[in-house]
Amino acid sequence: MEAIKILDKKENLNWDYDEEADVLYISIGEPQEALGIDIGEGSIVKYKEDVREVVGLTLIGIKERLLNSLKTS
């Protein structure tokens, strides 16, 4: 398997939460254009193909999923 950088740059982690849409956006460094890869269950990895590096993560329905998990535990 070829190497892919995941969280190689731990500094400069930026995030934004859209409460109305219940979406959490996490960027490594400043947000940038990248390929969005749906990895299931409302998780999208932002992948920069030219440098083979993960540059962000989008989590859809994060608050709803957390609240549902707390109810069942």
PDB file of N, CA and C in Angstrom:
ATOM      1  N   MET A   1       0.842  -1.176   0.000  1.00  0.00           N
ATOM      2  CA  MET A   1       0.000   0.000   0.000  1.00  0.00           C
ATOM      3  C   MET A   1       0.890   1.242   0.000  1.00  0.00           C
ATOM      4  N   GLU A   2       0.528   2.224  -0.815  1.00  0.00           N
ATOM      5  CA  GLU A   2       1.295   3.458  -0.898  1.00  0.00           C
ATOM      6  C   GLU A   2       1.059   4.324   0.331  1.00  0.00           C
ATOM      7  N   ALA A   3       2.060   5.104   0.670  1.00  0.00           N
ATOM      8  CA  ALA A   3       1.974   5.975   1.844  1.00  0.00           C
ATOM      9  C   ALA A   3       1.035   7.145   1.593  1.00  0.00           C
ATOM     10  N   ILE A   4       0.245   7.443   2.600  1.00  0.00           N
ATOM     11  CA  ILE A   4      -0.644   8.603   2.598  1.00  0.00           C
ATOM     12  C   ILE A   4      -0.412   9.329   3.921  1.00  0.00           C
ATOM     13  N   LYS A   5      -0.192  10.623   3.859  1.00  0.00           N
ATOM     14  CA  LYS A   5       0.028  11.408   5.072  1.00  0.00           C
ATOM     15  C   LYS A   5      -1.309  11.707   5.732  1.00  0.00           C
ATOM     16  N   ILE A   6      -1.427  11.319   6.998  1.00  0.00           N
ATOM     17  CA  ILE A   6      -2.634  11.608   7.776  1.00  0.00           C
ATOM     18  C   ILE A   6      -2.192  12.336   9.042  1.00  0.00           C
ATOM     19  N   LEU A   7      -2.645  13.559   9.189  1.00  0.00           N
ATOM     20  CA  LEU A   7      -2.301  14.398  10.334  1.00  0.00           C
ATOM     21  C   LEU A   7      -0.796  14.512  10.536  1.00  0.00           C
ATOM     22  N   ASP A   8      -0.070  14.692   9.440  1.00  0.00           N
ATOM     23  CA  ASP A   8       1.369  14.886   9.499  1.00  0.00           C
ATOM     24  C   ASP A   8       1.693  16.229  10.148  1.00  0.00           C
ATOM     25  N   LYS A   9       0.829  17.211   9.944  1.00  0.00           N
ATOM     26  CA  LYS A   9       1.010  18.561  10.498  1.00  0.00           C
ATOM     27  C   LYS A   9      -0.011  18.767  11.609  1.00  0.00           C
ATOM     28  N   LYS A  10       0.349  18.445  12.822  1.00  0.00           N
ATOM     29  CA  LYS A  10      -0.604  18.511  13.925  1.00  0.00           C
ATOM     30  C   LYS A  10      -0.892  19.937  14.381  1.00  0.00           C
ATOM     31  N   GLU A  11       0.010  20.865  14.075  1.00  0.00           N
ATOM     32  CA  GLU A  11      -0.250  22.259  14.413  1.00  0.00           C
ATOM     33  C   GLU A  11      -1.190  22.859  13.369  1.00  0.00           C
ATOM     34  N   ASN A  12      -1.735  24.003  13.672  1.00  0.00           N
ATOM     35  CA  ASN A  12      -2.643  24.688  12.750  1.00  0.00           C
ATOM     36  C   ASN A  12      -3.915  23.909  12.450  1.00  0.00           C
ATOM     37  N   LEU A  13      -4.484  23.283  13.423  1.00  0.00           N
ATOM     38  CA  LEU A  13      -5.750  22.589  13.240  1.00  0.00           C
ATOM     39  C   LEU A  13      -6.868  23.619  13.392  1.00  0.00           C
ATOM     40  N   ASN A  14      -7.667  23.783  12.342  1.00  0.00           N
ATOM     41  CA  ASN A  14      -8.776  24.737  12.341  1.00  0.00           C
ATOM     42  C   ASN A  14     -10.093  23.979  12.271  1.00  0.00           C
ATOM     43  N   TRP A  15     -11.105  24.544  12.884  1.00  0.00           N
ATOM     44  CA  TRP A  15     -12.415  23.897  12.808  1.00  0.00           C
ATOM     45  C   TRP A  15     -13.510  24.954  12.792  1.00  0.00           C
ATOM     46  N   ASP A  16     -14.655  24.523  12.275  1.00  0.00           N
ATOM     47  CA  ASP A  16     -15.841  25.370  12.228  1.00  0.00           C
ATOM     48  C   ASP A  16     -17.043  24.448  12.351  1.00  0.00           C
ATOM     49  N   TYR A  17     -17.984  24.838  13.188  1.00  0.00           N
ATOM     50  CA  TYR A  17     -19.189  24.029  13.369  1.00  0.00           C
ATOM     51  C   TYR A  17     -20.389  24.822  12.893  1.00  0.00           C
ATOM     52  N   ASP A  18     -21.156  24.268  11.969  1.00  0.00           N
ATOM     53  CA  ASP A  18     -22.395  24.869  11.473  1.00  0.00           C
ATOM     54  C   ASP A  18     -23.530  24.222  12.263  1.00  0.00           C
ATOM     55  N   GLU A  19     -24.008  24.932  13.274  1.00  0.00           N
ATOM     56  CA  GLU A  19     -25.024  24.365  14.169  1.00  0.00           C
ATOM     57  C   GLU A  19     -26.336  24.086  13.445  1.00  0.00           C
ATOM     58  N   GLU A  20     -26.722  24.981  12.554  1.00  0.00           N
ATOM     59  CA  GLU A  20     -27.977  24.796  11.833  1.00  0.00           C
ATOM     60  C   GLU A  20     -27.955  23.532  10.967  1.00  0.00           C
ATOM     61  N   ALA A  21     -26.844  23.279  10.296  1.00  0.00           N
ATOM     62  CA  ALA A  21     -26.722  22.099   9.438  1.00  0.00           C
ATOM     63  C   ALA A  21     -26.177  20.894  10.201  1.00  0.00           C
ATOM     64  N   ASP A  22     -25.700  21.100  11.430  1.00  0.00           N
ATOM     65  CA  ASP A  22     -25.079  20.056  12.244  1.00  0.00           C
ATOM     66  C   ASP A  22     -23.911  19.396  11.497  1.00  0.00           C
ATOM     67  N   VAL A  23     -22.975  20.252  11.081  1.00  0.00           N
ATOM     68  CA  VAL A  23     -21.799  19.782  10.351  1.00  0.00           C
ATOM     69  C   VAL A  23     -20.553  20.390  10.987  1.00  0.00           C
ATOM     70  N   LEU A  24     -19.569  19.531  11.280  1.00  0.00           N
ATOM     71  CA  LEU A  24     -18.286  19.968  11.816  1.00  0.00           C
ATOM     72  C   LEU A  24     -17.239  19.851  10.712  1.00  0.00           C
ATOM     73  N   TYR A  25     -16.565  20.971  10.446  1.00  0.00           N
ATOM     74  CA  TYR A  25     -15.510  21.015   9.435  1.00  0.00           C
ATOM     75  C   TYR A  25     -14.169  21.141  10.159  1.00  0.00           C
ATOM     76  N   ILE A  26     -13.252  20.243   9.891  1.00  0.00           N
ATOM     77  CA  ILE A  26     -11.916  20.283  10.480  1.00  0.00           C
ATOM     78  C   ILE A  26     -10.913  20.389   9.340  1.00  0.00           C
ATOM     79  N   SER A  27     -10.007  21.365   9.443  1.00  0.00           N
ATOM     80  CA  SER A  27      -8.980  21.557   8.421  1.00  0.00           C
ATOM     81  C   SER A  27      -7.609  21.526   9.071  1.00  0.00           C
ATOM     82  N   ILE A  28      -6.659  20.913   8.398  1.00  0.00           N
ATOM     83  CA  ILE A  28      -5.279  20.942   8.832  1.00  0.00           C
ATOM     84  C   ILE A  28      -4.646  22.100   8.072  1.00  0.00           C
ATOM     85  N   GLY A  29      -4.332  23.175   8.789  1.00  0.00           N
ATOM     86  CA  GLY A  29      -3.913  24.401   8.130  1.00  0.00           C
ATOM     87  C   GLY A  29      -5.158  25.145   7.668  1.00  0.00           C
ATOM     88  N   GLU A  30      -4.974  26.089   6.776  1.00  0.00           N
ATOM     89  CA  GLU A  30      -6.105  26.837   6.236  1.00  0.00           C
ATOM     90  C   GLU A  30      -6.947  25.925   5.341  1.00  0.00           C
ATOM     91  N   PRO A  31      -8.284  26.081   5.364  1.00  0.00           N
ATOM     92  CA  PRO A  31      -9.120  25.282   4.457  1.00  0.00           C
ATOM     93  C   PRO A  31      -8.667  25.478   3.017  1.00  0.00           C
ATOM     94  N   GLN A  32      -8.668  24.382   2.250  1.00  0.00           N
ATOM     95  CA  GLN A  32      -8.213  24.436   0.868  1.00  0.00           C
ATOM     96  C   GLN A  32      -9.012  23.481  -0.003  1.00  0.00           C
ATOM     97  N   GLU A  33      -8.945  23.735  -1.296  1.00  0.00           N
ATOM     98  CA  GLU A  33      -9.613  22.862  -2.257  1.00  0.00           C
ATOM     99  C   GLU A  33      -8.981  21.481  -2.189  1.00  0.00           C
ATOM    100  N   ALA A  34      -9.819  20.459  -2.132  1.00  0.00           N
ATOM    101  CA  ALA A  34      -9.322  19.084  -2.078  1.00  0.00           C
ATOM    102  C   ALA A  34     -10.457  18.146  -2.488  1.00  0.00           C
ATOM    103  N   LEU A  35     -10.085  16.944  -2.820  1.00  0.00           N
ATOM    104  CA  LEU A  35     -11.048  15.913  -3.183  1.00  0.00           C
ATOM    105  C   LEU A  35     -11.768  15.446  -1.927  1.00  0.00           C
ATOM    106  N   GLY A  36     -13.098  15.392  -1.955  1.00  0.00           N
ATOM    107  CA  GLY A  36     -13.869  14.888  -0.826  1.00  0.00           C
ATOM    108  C   GLY A  36     -14.166  13.413  -1.039  1.00  0.00           C
ATOM    109  N   ILE A  37     -13.728  12.579  -0.097  1.00  0.00           N
ATOM    110  CA  ILE A  37     -13.940  11.142  -0.189  1.00  0.00           C
ATOM    111  C   ILE A  37     -14.883  10.717   0.929  1.00  0.00           C
ATOM    112  N   ASP A  38     -16.065  10.250   0.559  1.00  0.00           N
ATOM    113  CA  ASP A  38     -17.066   9.797   1.527  1.00  0.00           C
ATOM    114  C   ASP A  38     -16.623   8.448   2.070  1.00  0.00           C
ATOM    115  N   ILE A  39     -16.311   8.390   3.363  1.00  0.00           N
ATOM    116  CA  ILE A  39     -15.881   7.134   3.971  1.00  0.00           C
ATOM    117  C   ILE A  39     -16.997   6.497   4.796  1.00  0.00           C
ATOM    118  N   GLY A  40     -18.197   7.017   4.639  1.00  0.00           N
ATOM    119  CA  GLY A  40     -19.371   6.420   5.275  1.00  0.00           C
ATOM    120  C   GLY A  40     -19.748   7.063   6.595  1.00  0.00           C
ATOM    121  N   GLU A  41     -20.978   6.816   6.994  1.00  0.00           N
ATOM    122  CA  GLU A  41     -21.539   7.272   8.261  1.00  0.00           C
ATOM    123  C   GLU A  41     -21.370   8.774   8.470  1.00  0.00           C
ATOM    124  N   GLY A  42     -21.534   9.556   7.394  1.00  0.00           N
ATOM    125  CA  GLY A  42     -21.485  11.004   7.506  1.00  0.00           C
ATOM    126  C   GLY A  42     -20.090  11.585   7.656  1.00  0.00           C
ATOM    127  N   SER A  43     -19.072  10.828   7.272  1.00  0.00           N
ATOM    128  CA  SER A  43     -17.686  11.295   7.369  1.00  0.00           C
ATOM    129  C   SER A  43     -17.089  11.447   5.979  1.00  0.00           C
ATOM    130  N   ILE A  44     -16.532  12.624   5.721  1.00  0.00           N
ATOM    131  CA  ILE A  44     -15.910  12.908   4.428  1.00  0.00           C
ATOM    132  C   ILE A  44     -14.475  13.360   4.685  1.00  0.00           C
ATOM    133  N   VAL A  45     -13.532  12.658   4.091  1.00  0.00           N
ATOM    134  CA  VAL A  45     -12.120  13.008   4.203  1.00  0.00           C
ATOM    135  C   VAL A  45     -11.769  13.929   3.053  1.00  0.00           C
ATOM    136  N   LYS A  46     -11.098  15.034   3.353  1.00  0.00           N
ATOM    137  CA  LYS A  46     -10.612  15.961   2.328  1.00  0.00           C
ATOM    138  C   LYS A  46      -9.170  15.564   2.018  1.00  0.00           C
ATOM    139  N   TYR A  47      -8.951  15.174   0.757  1.00  0.00           N
ATOM    140  CA  TYR A  47      -7.684  14.586   0.351  1.00  0.00           C
ATOM    141  C   TYR A  47      -7.049  15.382  -0.778  1.00  0.00           C
ATOM    142  N   LYS A  48      -5.821  15.798  -0.596  1.00  0.00           N
ATOM    143  CA  LYS A  48      -5.062  16.555  -1.597  1.00  0.00           C
ATOM    144  C   LYS A  48      -4.245  15.543  -2.399  1.00  0.00           C
ATOM    145  N   GLU A  49      -4.737  15.267  -3.623  1.00  0.00           N
ATOM    146  CA  GLU A  49      -4.149  14.219  -4.450  1.00  0.00           C
ATOM    147  C   GLU A  49      -2.696  14.477  -4.822  1.00  0.00           C
ATOM    148  N   ASP A  50      -2.351  15.729  -5.146  1.00  0.00           N
ATOM    149  CA  ASP A  50      -0.999  16.003  -5.636  1.00  0.00           C
ATOM    150  C   ASP A  50       0.087  15.739  -4.603  1.00  0.00           C
ATOM    151  N   VAL A  51      -0.238  15.874  -3.320  1.00  0.00           N
ATOM    152  CA  VAL A  51       0.753  15.622  -2.263  1.00  0.00           C
ATOM    153  C   VAL A  51       0.405  14.382  -1.437  1.00  0.00           C
ATOM    154  N   ARG A  52      -0.680  13.693  -1.842  1.00  0.00           N
ATOM    155  CA  ARG A  52      -1.120  12.469  -1.166  1.00  0.00           C
ATOM    156  C   ARG A  52      -1.254  12.683   0.347  1.00  0.00           C
ATOM    157  N   GLU A  53      -2.058  13.691   0.689  1.00  0.00           N
ATOM    158  CA  GLU A  53      -2.173  14.077   2.086  1.00  0.00           C
ATOM    159  C   GLU A  53      -3.617  14.404   2.457  1.00  0.00           C
ATOM    160  N   VAL A  54      -4.034  13.961   3.623  1.00  0.00           N
ATOM    161  CA  VAL A  54      -5.336  14.324   4.173  1.00  0.00           C
ATOM    162  C   VAL A  54      -5.208  15.737   4.731  1.00  0.00           C
ATOM    163  N   VAL A  55      -6.093  16.633   4.275  1.00  0.00           N
ATOM    164  CA  VAL A  55      -6.024  18.035   4.692  1.00  0.00           C
ATOM    165  C   VAL A  55      -7.269  18.479   5.456  1.00  0.00           C
ATOM    166  N   GLY A  56      -8.204  17.566   5.655  1.00  0.00           N
ATOM    167  CA  GLY A  56      -9.394  17.948   6.394  1.00  0.00           C
ATOM    168  C   GLY A  56     -10.368  16.798   6.565  1.00  0.00           C
ATOM    169  N   LEU A  57     -11.385  17.072   7.341  1.00  0.00           N
ATOM    170  CA  LEU A  57     -12.415  16.087   7.643  1.00  0.00           C
ATOM    171  C   LEU A  57     -13.725  16.832   7.851  1.00  0.00           C
ATOM    172  N   THR A  58     -14.805  16.313   7.281  1.00  0.00           N
ATOM    173  CA  THR A  58     -16.136  16.871   7.480  1.00  0.00           C
ATOM    174  C   THR A  58     -16.989  15.802   8.137  1.00  0.00           C
ATOM    175  N   LEU A  59     -17.621  16.157   9.248  1.00  0.00           N
ATOM    176  CA  LEU A  59     -18.479  15.222   9.980  1.00  0.00           C
ATOM    177  C   LEU A  59     -19.910  15.755   9.958  1.00  0.00           C
ATOM    178  N   ILE A  60     -20.774  15.025   9.296  1.00  0.00           N
ATOM    179  CA  ILE A  60     -22.167  15.433   9.119  1.00  0.00           C
ATOM    180  C   ILE A  60     -23.033  14.780  10.195  1.00  0.00           C
ATOM    181  N   GLY A  61     -23.879  15.588  10.819  1.00  0.00           N
ATOM    182  CA  GLY A  61     -24.790  15.061  11.840  1.00  0.00           C
ATOM    183  C   GLY A  61     -24.091  14.691  13.137  1.00  0.00           C
ATOM    184  N   ILE A  62     -23.005  15.374  13.442  1.00  0.00           N
ATOM    185  CA  ILE A  62     -22.181  15.007  14.597  1.00  0.00           C
ATOM    186  C   ILE A  62     -22.930  15.167  15.924  1.00  0.00           C
ATOM    187  N   LYS A  63     -23.646  16.268  16.089  1.00  0.00           N
ATOM    188  CA  LYS A  63     -24.380  16.493  17.353  1.00  0.00           C
ATOM    189  C   LYS A  63     -25.489  15.460  17.514  1.00  0.00           C
ATOM    190  N   GLU A  64     -26.234  15.220  16.440  1.00  0.00           N
ATOM    191  CA  GLU A  64     -27.320  14.245  16.492  1.00  0.00           C
ATOM    192  C   GLU A  64     -26.789  12.843  16.820  1.00  0.00           C
ATOM    193  N   ARG A  65     -25.691  12.467  16.184  1.00  0.00           N
ATOM    194  CA  ARG A  65     -25.120  11.141  16.452  1.00  0.00           C
ATOM    195  C   ARG A  65     -24.606  11.029  17.874  1.00  0.00           C
ATOM    196  N   LEU A  66     -23.990  12.096  18.375  1.00  0.00           N
ATOM    197  CA  LEU A  66     -23.502  12.088  19.759  1.00  0.00           C
ATOM    198  C   LEU A  66     -24.658  11.945  20.739  1.00  0.00           C
ATOM    199  N   LEU A  67     -25.712  12.739  20.548  1.00  0.00           N
ATOM    200  CA  LEU A  67     -26.864  12.670  21.442  1.00  0.00           C
ATOM    201  C   LEU A  67     -27.517  11.293  21.404  1.00  0.00           C
ATOM    202  N   ASN A  68     -27.630  10.695  20.220  1.00  0.00           N
ATOM    203  CA  ASN A  68     -28.194   9.347  20.098  1.00  0.00           C
ATOM    204  C   ASN A  68     -27.325   8.316  20.800  1.00  0.00           C
ATOM    205  N   SER A  69     -26.021   8.462  20.713  1.00  0.00           N
ATOM    206  CA  SER A  69     -25.103   7.534  21.381  1.00  0.00           C
ATOM    207  C   SER A  69     -25.200   7.664  22.897  1.00  0.00           C
ATOM    208  N   LEU A  70     -25.354   8.891  23.387  1.00  0.00           N
ATOM    209  CA  LEU A  70     -25.489   9.092  24.828  1.00  0.00           C
ATOM    210  C   LEU A  70     -26.786   8.508  25.377  1.00  0.00           C
ATOM    211  N   LYS A  71     -27.851   8.526  24.564  1.00  0.00           N
ATOM    212  CA  LYS A  71     -29.132   7.970  24.988  1.00  0.00           C
ATOM    213  C   LYS A  71     -29.068   6.452  25.125  1.00  0.00           C
ATOM    214  N   THR A  72     -28.261   5.821  24.290  1.00  0.00           N
ATOM    215  CA  THR A  72     -28.214   4.358  24.289  1.00  0.00           C
ATOM    216  C   THR A  72     -27.141   3.802  25.222  1.00  0.00           C
ATOM    217  N   SER A  73     -26.335   4.681  25.825  1.00  0.00           N
ATOM    218  CA  SER A  73     -25.281   4.150  26.710  1.00  0.00           C
ATOM    219  C   SER A  73     -25.650   4.257  28.161  1.00  0.00           C
TER     220      SER A  73
END
